[in-house]
Amino acid sequence: FVKDLILDPSTRDVSDVKHEVKAVASSSSADRAKKFLEECKVPEGAAAYGSYEELVNDKNVDIVYVATPHSHHYQNTMLCLEAGKHVLCEKAFTTNAAQAKKLIETAKAKNLFLMEAVWTRFFPLSIQVRKFIEDGNLGAVHRVIADNSFGDNVEKKYGTTHRMINMDLAGGCLLDPRKPPTVVSAVTPYHATGADEMTSMILTFPSAPGPAPAGTPDGSSHPAHGIALTNLRVASDPD
């Protein structure tokens, strides 16, 4: 992400914005932050801090990208917001809805930008597909299936301490403007730690994109199902 930030924006035909990496912080030492700057080949002048508090107090920093383990996203993001910094927080945004609500309330109260870093939303292909659907080119959307699974040997790769299955680090496969959906879900825990090994969800959207089928009662909307799947052992990648 940082390497991408320092690329010349003109390579993407962008001329109205330019990012500068002003500082990087490590929770353990300034030396780790310096090493990160060197590995990413950030231009000279960026500060390297050994604490997040130093980073958020840097007056040269306008917005902070939070890329810590998601078990700490709430604390780290709140630290930035309380310091008056805009925040782009890596996914998963928080570990529960209550934390997300509190962060959003704080950002609104302070008039700060806050967003989860779901980069695929901004892919040109994703934008085109959404427009294609919203314009009704596919007709009414009745069901969407999303499967983001890993295909790993869980015991061999993760054992019992890796962050992916560590409950103390919010481990598990689930966490790496329409009417709200209703949700039915099922979770299978990993036998060694209790972190979710397999999660399946069916979301029922009362108002889905695309033109309503003929005969729809109100003539303007129709329901649809979203099926979301993730699994540590099963792979969704055909390769």
C-alpha atoms as a PDB file:
ATOM      1  CA  PHE A   1       0.000   0.000   0.000  1.00  0.00           C
ATOM      2  CA  VAL A   2       2.764   2.444   0.921  1.00  0.00           C
ATOM      3  CA  LYS A   3       4.727   1.599  -2.215  1.00  0.00           C
ATOM      4  CA  ASP A   4       1.623   2.362  -4.230  1.00  0.00           C
ATOM      5  CA  LEU A   5       1.088   5.688  -2.451  1.00  0.00           C
ATOM      6  CA  ILE A   6       4.458   7.049  -3.508  1.00  0.00           C
ATOM      7  CA  LEU A   7       3.984   6.209  -7.198  1.00  0.00           C
ATOM      8  CA  ASP A   8       3.621   9.126  -9.571  1.00  0.00           C
ATOM      9  CA  PRO A   9      -0.185   9.653  -9.832  1.00  0.00           C
ATOM     10  CA  SER A  10       0.184  10.640 -13.487  1.00  0.00           C
ATOM     11  CA  THR A  11       0.800   6.946 -14.252  1.00  0.00           C
ATOM     12  CA  ARG A  12      -2.924   6.489 -13.529  1.00  0.00           C
ATOM     13  CA  ASP A  13      -3.967   9.626 -15.400  1.00  0.00           C
ATOM     14  CA  VAL A  14      -4.560  11.381 -12.059  1.00  0.00           C
ATOM     15  CA  SER A  15      -3.565  15.022 -11.662  1.00  0.00           C
ATOM     16  CA  ASP A  16      -5.784  16.388  -8.881  1.00  0.00           C
ATOM     17  CA  VAL A  17      -4.198  14.589  -5.932  1.00  0.00           C
ATOM     18  CA  LYS A  18      -0.755  13.572  -4.709  1.00  0.00           C
ATOM     19  CA  HIS A  19       0.105  11.645  -1.556  1.00  0.00           C
ATOM     20  CA  GLU A  20       3.207  12.054   0.573  1.00  0.00           C
ATOM     21  CA  VAL A  21       4.294   9.602   3.258  1.00  0.00           C
ATOM     22  CA  LYS A  22       5.214  11.866   6.174  1.00  0.00           C
ATOM     23  CA  ALA A  23       5.689   9.309   8.938  1.00  0.00           C
ATOM     24  CA  VAL A  24       5.580   5.642   9.881  1.00  0.00           C
ATOM     25  CA  ALA A  25       5.232   4.187  13.370  1.00  0.00           C
ATOM     26  CA  SER A  26       5.985   0.822  14.919  1.00  0.00           C
ATOM     27  CA  SER A  27       4.620  -0.164  18.322  1.00  0.00           C
ATOM     28  CA  SER A  28       7.931  -1.820  19.246  1.00  0.00           C
ATOM     29  CA  SER A  29      10.753   0.438  18.045  1.00  0.00           C
ATOM     30  CA  ALA A  30      11.686   3.343  15.797  1.00  0.00           C
ATOM     31  CA  ASP A  31      14.274   1.085  14.160  1.00  0.00           C
ATOM     32  CA  ARG A  32      11.513  -1.141  12.763  1.00  0.00           C
ATOM     33  CA  ALA A  33       9.784   1.926  11.379  1.00  0.00           C
ATOM     34  CA  LYS A  34      13.034   3.062   9.753  1.00  0.00           C
ATOM     35  CA  LYS A  35      13.540  -0.373   8.213  1.00  0.00           C
ATOM     36  CA  PHE A  36      10.015  -0.230   6.793  1.00  0.00           C
ATOM     37  CA  LEU A  37      10.699   3.155   5.211  1.00  0.00           C
ATOM     38  CA  GLU A  38      13.866   1.790   3.638  1.00  0.00           C
ATOM     39  CA  GLU A  39      12.174  -1.364   2.315  1.00  0.00           C
ATOM     40  CA  CYS A  40       9.378   0.682   0.742  1.00  0.00           C
ATOM     41  CA  LYS A  41      11.909   3.192  -0.664  1.00  0.00           C
ATOM     42  CA  VAL A  42      10.027   6.140   0.801  1.00  0.00           C
ATOM     43  CA  PRO A  43      11.686   9.468  -0.142  1.00  0.00           C
ATOM     44  CA  GLU A  44      13.871  11.070   2.520  1.00  0.00           C
ATOM     45  CA  GLY A  45      12.169  13.289   5.054  1.00  0.00           C
ATOM     46  CA  ALA A  46       9.605  10.845   6.442  1.00  0.00           C
ATOM     47  CA  ALA A  47       9.761  10.424  10.206  1.00  0.00           C
ATOM     48  CA  ALA A  48      10.132   7.036  11.927  1.00  0.00           C
ATOM     49  CA  TYR A  49       8.459   6.692  15.311  1.00  0.00           C
ATOM     50  CA  GLY A  50       8.608   4.036  18.005  1.00  0.00           C
ATOM     51  CA  SER A  51       5.055   4.628  19.216  1.00  0.00           C
ATOM     52  CA  TYR A  52       1.662   5.397  17.738  1.00  0.00           C
ATOM     53  CA  GLU A  53       1.239   8.339  20.102  1.00  0.00           C
ATOM     54  CA  GLU A  54       4.200  10.081  18.488  1.00  0.00           C
ATOM     55  CA  LEU A  55       2.725   9.513  15.048  1.00  0.00           C
ATOM     56  CA  VAL A  56      -0.705  10.976  15.795  1.00  0.00           C
ATOM     57  CA  ASN A  57       0.918  14.029  17.384  1.00  0.00           C
ATOM     58  CA  ASP A  58       2.904  14.790  14.228  1.00  0.00           C
ATOM     59  CA  LYS A  59       1.439  18.001  12.765  1.00  0.00           C
ATOM     60  CA  ASN A  60       2.633  17.024   9.274  1.00  0.00           C
ATOM     61  CA  VAL A  61       0.306  14.004   9.218  1.00  0.00           C
ATOM     62  CA  ASP A  62      -3.205  14.600   7.837  1.00  0.00           C
ATOM     63  CA  ILE A  63      -4.525  11.051   7.517  1.00  0.00           C
ATOM     64  CA  VAL A  64      -3.389   7.771   9.068  1.00  0.00           C
ATOM     65  CA  TYR A  65      -3.552   4.342   7.447  1.00  0.00           C
ATOM     66  CA  VAL A  66      -4.093   1.749  10.206  1.00  0.00           C
ATOM     67  CA  ALA A  67      -2.650  -1.629   9.222  1.00  0.00           C
ATOM     68  CA  THR A  68      -2.240  -3.301  12.603  1.00  0.00           C
ATOM     69  CA  PRO A  69      -3.857  -6.680  13.409  1.00  0.00           C
ATOM     70  CA  HIS A  70      -7.624  -6.159  13.384  1.00  0.00           C
ATOM     71  CA  SER A  71      -7.812  -7.095  17.063  1.00  0.00           C
ATOM     72  CA  HIS A  72      -6.304  -3.640  17.686  1.00  0.00           C
ATOM     73  CA  HIS A  73      -8.082  -1.601  15.015  1.00  0.00           C
ATOM     74  CA  TYR A  74     -10.551  -0.058  17.434  1.00  0.00           C
ATOM     75  CA  GLN A  75      -7.915   1.192  19.874  1.00  0.00           C
ATOM     76  CA  ASN A  76      -5.528   2.398  17.182  1.00  0.00           C
ATOM     77  CA  THR A  77      -8.215   4.114  15.112  1.00  0.00           C
ATOM     78  CA  MET A  78      -9.725   5.794  18.164  1.00  0.00           C
ATOM     79  CA  LEU A  79      -6.273   7.097  19.095  1.00  0.00           C
ATOM     80  CA  CYS A  80      -6.008   8.727  15.672  1.00  0.00           C
ATOM     81  CA  LEU A  81      -9.499  10.191  15.755  1.00  0.00           C
ATOM     82  CA  GLU A  82      -9.032  11.616  19.230  1.00  0.00           C
ATOM     83  CA  ALA A  83      -5.887  13.313  17.926  1.00  0.00           C
ATOM     84  CA  GLY A  84      -7.871  14.899  15.095  1.00  0.00           C
ATOM     85  CA  LYS A  85      -6.530  12.689  12.296  1.00  0.00           C
ATOM     86  CA  HIS A  86      -8.514  11.326   9.375  1.00  0.00           C
ATOM     87  CA  VAL A  87      -8.298   7.512   9.164  1.00  0.00           C
ATOM     88  CA  LEU A  88      -8.223   4.792   6.532  1.00  0.00           C
ATOM     89  CA  CYS A  89      -8.496   1.553   8.538  1.00  0.00           C
ATOM     90  CA  GLU A  90      -7.610  -1.816   7.095  1.00  0.00           C
ATOM     91  CA  LYS A  91     -10.233  -4.575   7.051  1.00  0.00           C
ATOM     92  CA  ALA A  92     -11.704  -6.034   9.136  1.00  0.00           C
ATOM     93  CA  PHE A  93     -12.732  -2.568  10.371  1.00  0.00           C
ATOM     94  CA  THR A  94     -13.404  -3.707  13.952  1.00  0.00           C
ATOM     95  CA  THR A  95     -14.112  -6.981  15.731  1.00  0.00           C
ATOM     96  CA  ASN A  96     -17.760  -6.169  16.485  1.00  0.00           C
ATOM     97  CA  ALA A  97     -20.573  -3.769  15.610  1.00  0.00           C
ATOM     98  CA  ALA A  98     -20.396  -1.841  18.883  1.00  0.00           C
ATOM     99  CA  GLN A  99     -16.790  -0.825  18.194  1.00  0.00           C
ATOM    100  CA  ALA A 100     -17.617   0.213  14.630  1.00  0.00           C
ATOM    101  CA  LYS A 101     -20.549   2.327  15.838  1.00  0.00           C
ATOM    102  CA  LYS A 102     -18.388   4.120  18.393  1.00  0.00           C
ATOM    103  CA  LEU A 103     -15.692   4.934  15.835  1.00  0.00           C
ATOM    104  CA  ILE A 104     -18.257   6.277  13.370  1.00  0.00           C
ATOM    105  CA  GLU A 105     -19.876   8.415  16.076  1.00  0.00           C
ATOM    106  CA  THR A 106     -16.493   9.841  17.058  1.00  0.00           C
ATOM    107  CA  ALA A 107     -15.519  10.616  13.461  1.00  0.00           C
ATOM    108  CA  LYS A 108     -18.848  12.359  12.831  1.00  0.00           C
ATOM    109  CA  ALA A 109     -18.563  14.392  16.041  1.00  0.00           C
ATOM    110  CA  LYS A 110     -15.103  15.573  15.052  1.00  0.00           C
ATOM    111  CA  ASN A 111     -15.974  15.967  11.350  1.00  0.00           C
ATOM    112  CA  LEU A 112     -13.218  13.537  10.332  1.00  0.00           C
ATOM    113  CA  PHE A 113     -12.934  11.165   7.363  1.00  0.00           C
ATOM    114  CA  LEU A 114     -13.103   7.495   8.382  1.00  0.00           C
ATOM    115  CA  MET A 115     -13.269   4.525   6.021  1.00  0.00           C
ATOM    116  CA  GLU A 116     -12.586   0.806   5.920  1.00  0.00           C
ATOM    117  CA  ALA A 117      -9.909  -0.016   3.343  1.00  0.00           C
ATOM    118  CA  VAL A 118     -11.905  -2.266   1.010  1.00  0.00           C
ATOM    119  CA  TRP A 119      -9.806  -1.508  -2.058  1.00  0.00           C
ATOM    120  CA  THR A 120     -11.769  -3.748  -4.414  1.00  0.00           C
ATOM    121  CA  ARG A 121     -14.672  -1.249  -4.289  1.00  0.00           C
ATOM    122  CA  PHE A 122     -12.464   1.144  -6.258  1.00  0.00           C
ATOM    123  CA  PHE A 123     -11.220  -1.240  -8.926  1.00  0.00           C
ATOM    124  CA  PRO A 124     -12.344   0.040 -12.349  1.00  0.00           C
ATOM    125  CA  LEU A 125     -13.898  -3.373 -12.977  1.00  0.00           C
ATOM    126  CA  SER A 126     -15.866  -3.232  -9.712  1.00  0.00           C
ATOM    127  CA  ILE A 127     -17.131   0.249 -10.512  1.00  0.00           C
ATOM    128  CA  GLN A 128     -18.207  -0.837 -13.990  1.00  0.00           C
ATOM    129  CA  VAL A 129     -19.969  -3.952 -12.704  1.00  0.00           C
ATOM    130  CA  ARG A 130     -21.918  -1.916 -10.118  1.00  0.00           C
ATOM    131  CA  LYS A 131     -22.957   0.585 -12.780  1.00  0.00           C
ATOM    132  CA  PHE A 132     -23.940  -2.259 -15.102  1.00  0.00           C
ATOM    133  CA  ILE A 133     -26.214  -3.669 -12.395  1.00  0.00           C
ATOM    134  CA  GLU A 134     -27.639  -0.321 -11.263  1.00  0.00           C
ATOM    135  CA  ASP A 135     -28.493   0.609 -14.840  1.00  0.00           C
ATOM    136  CA  GLY A 136     -30.567  -2.550 -15.105  1.00  0.00           C
ATOM    137  CA  ASN A 137     -28.468  -4.191 -17.808  1.00  0.00           C
ATOM    138  CA  LEU A 138     -28.617  -7.538 -15.997  1.00  0.00           C
ATOM    139  CA  GLY A 139     -32.265  -7.225 -15.062  1.00  0.00           C
ATOM    140  CA  ALA A 140     -33.369  -7.904 -11.504  1.00  0.00           C
ATOM    141  CA  VAL A 141     -30.684  -9.274  -9.187  1.00  0.00           C
ATOM    142  CA  HIS A 142     -32.100 -12.135  -7.113  1.00  0.00           C
ATOM    143  CA  ARG A 143     -29.003 -13.772  -5.637  1.00  0.00           C
ATOM    144  CA  VAL A 144     -25.297 -13.068  -5.200  1.00  0.00           C
ATOM    145  CA  ILE A 145     -22.795 -15.631  -3.943  1.00  0.00           C
ATOM    146  CA  ALA A 146     -19.420 -14.537  -2.546  1.00  0.00           C
ATOM    147  CA  ASP A 147     -16.903 -17.161  -1.458  1.00  0.00           C
ATOM    148  CA  ASN A 148     -13.570 -16.020  -0.061  1.00  0.00           C
ATOM    149  CA  SER A 149     -11.900 -19.144   1.299  1.00  0.00           C
ATOM    150  CA  PHE A 150      -8.276 -20.021   1.959  1.00  0.00           C
ATOM    151  CA  GLY A 151      -7.658 -23.709   1.216  1.00  0.00           C
ATOM    152  CA  ASP A 152      -5.085 -24.139   3.968  1.00  0.00           C
ATOM    153  CA  ASN A 153      -3.914 -27.057   6.093  1.00  0.00           C
ATOM    154  CA  VAL A 154      -5.030 -25.306   9.269  1.00  0.00           C
ATOM    155  CA  GLU A 155      -3.149 -27.451  11.798  1.00  0.00           C
ATOM    156  CA  LYS A 156       0.120 -27.328   9.824  1.00  0.00           C
ATOM    157  CA  LYS A 157       0.033 -23.680   8.763  1.00  0.00           C
ATOM    158  CA  TYR A 158      -1.582 -22.031  11.778  1.00  0.00           C
ATOM    159  CA  GLY A 159      -1.192 -24.453  14.689  1.00  0.00           C
ATOM    160  CA  THR A 160      -2.626 -22.847  17.834  1.00  0.00           C
ATOM    161  CA  THR A 161      -0.835 -19.484  18.090  1.00  0.00           C
ATOM    162  CA  HIS A 162      -0.953 -17.860  14.636  1.00  0.00           C
ATOM    163  CA  ARG A 163      -3.053 -14.687  14.513  1.00  0.00           C
ATOM    164  CA  MET A 164      -5.444 -16.333  12.042  1.00  0.00           C
ATOM    165  CA  ILE A 165      -6.731 -18.733  14.716  1.00  0.00           C
ATOM    166  CA  ASN A 166      -5.708 -16.890  17.891  1.00  0.00           C
ATOM    167  CA  MET A 167      -8.846 -15.807  19.746  1.00  0.00           C
ATOM    168  CA  ASP A 168      -6.891 -13.133  21.652  1.00  0.00           C
ATOM    169  CA  LEU A 169      -6.084 -11.527  18.286  1.00  0.00           C
ATOM    170  CA  ALA A 170      -9.658 -11.846  16.963  1.00  0.00           C
ATOM    171  CA  GLY A 171      -8.645 -14.762  14.755  1.00  0.00           C
ATOM    172  CA  GLY A 172     -10.927 -16.620  12.357  1.00  0.00           C
ATOM    173  CA  CYS A 173     -11.807 -16.716   8.669  1.00  0.00           C
ATOM    174  CA  LEU A 174     -14.617 -14.159   8.834  1.00  0.00           C
ATOM    175  CA  LEU A 175     -12.547 -11.212   9.975  1.00  0.00           C
ATOM    176  CA  ASP A 176      -9.364 -10.983   7.392  1.00  0.00           C
ATOM    177  CA  PRO A 177     -27.963   3.324   1.337  1.00  0.00           C
ATOM    178  CA  ARG A 178     -30.493   0.520   1.191  1.00  0.00           C
ATOM    179  CA  LYS A 179     -32.700  -1.047   3.789  1.00  0.00           C
ATOM    180  CA  PRO A 180     -30.580  -3.251   6.066  1.00  0.00           C
ATOM    181  CA  PRO A 181     -30.624  -7.008   5.391  1.00  0.00           C
ATOM    182  CA  THR A 182     -31.699  -9.750   7.747  1.00  0.00           C
ATOM    183  CA  VAL A 183     -28.998 -12.324   8.397  1.00  0.00           C
ATOM    184  CA  VAL A 184     -28.952 -16.055   9.071  1.00  0.00           C
ATOM    185  CA  SER A 185     -25.518 -17.500   9.778  1.00  0.00           C
ATOM    186  CA  ALA A 186     -23.705 -20.633  10.868  1.00  0.00           C
ATOM    187  CA  VAL A 187     -20.205 -20.935  12.315  1.00  0.00           C
ATOM    188  CA  THR A 188     -17.973 -23.976  12.806  1.00  0.00           C
ATOM    189  CA  PRO A 189     -15.107 -23.434  15.280  1.00  0.00           C
ATOM    190  CA  TYR A 190     -11.532 -24.643  14.895  1.00  0.00           C
ATOM    191  CA  HIS A 191     -11.176 -27.504  17.376  1.00  0.00           C
ATOM    192  CA  ALA A 192      -7.825 -26.338  18.750  1.00  0.00           C
ATOM    193  CA  THR A 193      -8.641 -22.728  19.667  1.00  0.00           C
ATOM    194  CA  GLY A 194     -12.324 -22.007  19.060  1.00  0.00           C
ATOM    195  CA  ALA A 195     -11.728 -19.413  16.329  1.00  0.00           C
ATOM    196  CA  ASP A 196     -14.176 -19.653  13.431  1.00  0.00           C
ATOM    197  CA  GLU A 197     -12.881 -22.123  10.860  1.00  0.00           C
ATOM    198  CA  MET A 198     -15.927 -21.963   8.618  1.00  0.00           C
ATOM    199  CA  THR A 199     -18.633 -19.290   8.365  1.00  0.00           C
ATOM    200  CA  SER A 200     -21.673 -19.174   6.087  1.00  0.00           C
ATOM    201  CA  MET A 201     -24.226 -16.357   5.910  1.00  0.00           C
ATOM    202  CA  ILE A 202     -27.453 -15.762   4.023  1.00  0.00           C
ATOM    203  CA  LEU A 203     -28.470 -12.113   3.861  1.00  0.00           C
ATOM    204  CA  THR A 204     -31.957 -11.184   2.694  1.00  0.00           C
ATOM    205  CA  PHE A 205     -32.072  -7.704   1.168  1.00  0.00           C
ATOM    206  CA  PRO A 206     -35.618  -6.286   1.068  1.00  0.00           C
ATOM    207  CA  SER A 207     -34.627  -3.820  -1.648  1.00  0.00           C
ATOM    208  CA  ALA A 208     -32.194  -5.070  -4.285  1.00  0.00           C
ATOM    209  CA  PRO A 209     -30.633  -3.330  -7.319  1.00  0.00           C
ATOM    210  CA  GLY A 210     -32.033  -3.642 -10.799  1.00  0.00           C
ATOM    211  CA  PRO A 211     -35.578  -3.225 -12.132  1.00  0.00           C
ATOM    212  CA  ALA A 212     -38.310  -5.045 -10.255  1.00  0.00           C
ATOM    213  CA  PRO A 213     -39.783  -8.069 -12.045  1.00  0.00           C
ATOM    214  CA  ALA A 214     -43.224  -7.709 -13.579  1.00  0.00           C
ATOM    215  CA  GLY A 215     -45.947  -8.162 -11.013  1.00  0.00           C
ATOM    216  CA  THR A 216     -43.872  -6.969  -8.051  1.00  0.00           C
ATOM    217  CA  PRO A 217     -46.399  -5.621  -5.496  1.00  0.00           C
ATOM    218  CA  ASP A 218     -45.077  -2.084  -5.147  1.00  0.00           C
ATOM    219  CA  GLY A 219     -43.562  -2.047  -8.623  1.00  0.00           C
ATOM    220  CA  SER A 220     -40.342  -0.448  -7.472  1.00  0.00           C
ATOM    221  CA  SER A 221     -38.309  -2.943  -5.456  1.00  0.00           C
ATOM    222  CA  HIS A 222     -37.715  -6.625  -4.985  1.00  0.00           C
ATOM    223  CA  PRO A 223     -35.890  -8.792  -2.455  1.00  0.00           C
ATOM    224  CA  ALA A 224     -32.634 -10.658  -3.074  1.00  0.00           C
ATOM    225  CA  HIS A 225     -30.338 -13.063  -1.267  1.00  0.00           C
ATOM    226  CA  GLY A 226     -26.644 -12.527  -0.667  1.00  0.00           C
ATOM    227  CA  ILE A 227     -24.718 -15.688   0.209  1.00  0.00           C
ATOM    228  CA  ALA A 228     -21.317 -15.117   1.825  1.00  0.00           C
ATOM    229  CA  LEU A 229     -18.951 -18.014   2.479  1.00  0.00           C
ATOM    230  CA  THR A 230     -15.477 -18.302   3.957  1.00  0.00           C
ATOM    231  CA  ASN A 231     -13.468 -21.301   5.076  1.00  0.00           C
ATOM    232  CA  LEU A 232      -9.897 -21.880   6.195  1.00  0.00           C
ATOM    233  CA  ARG A 233      -9.662 -25.396   4.721  1.00  0.00           C
ATOM    234  CA  VAL A 234     -11.644 -25.064   1.484  1.00  0.00           C
ATOM    235  CA  ALA A 235     -10.236 -22.932  -1.356  1.00  0.00           C
ATOM    236  CA  SER A 236     -12.343 -20.579  -3.446  1.00  0.00           C
ATOM    237  CA  ASP A 237      -9.410 -19.850  -5.787  1.00  0.00           C
ATOM    238  CA  PRO A 238      -9.623 -22.268  -8.751  1.00  0.00           C
ATOM    239  CA  ASP A 239      -5.823 -22.255  -8.996  1.00  0.00           C
END
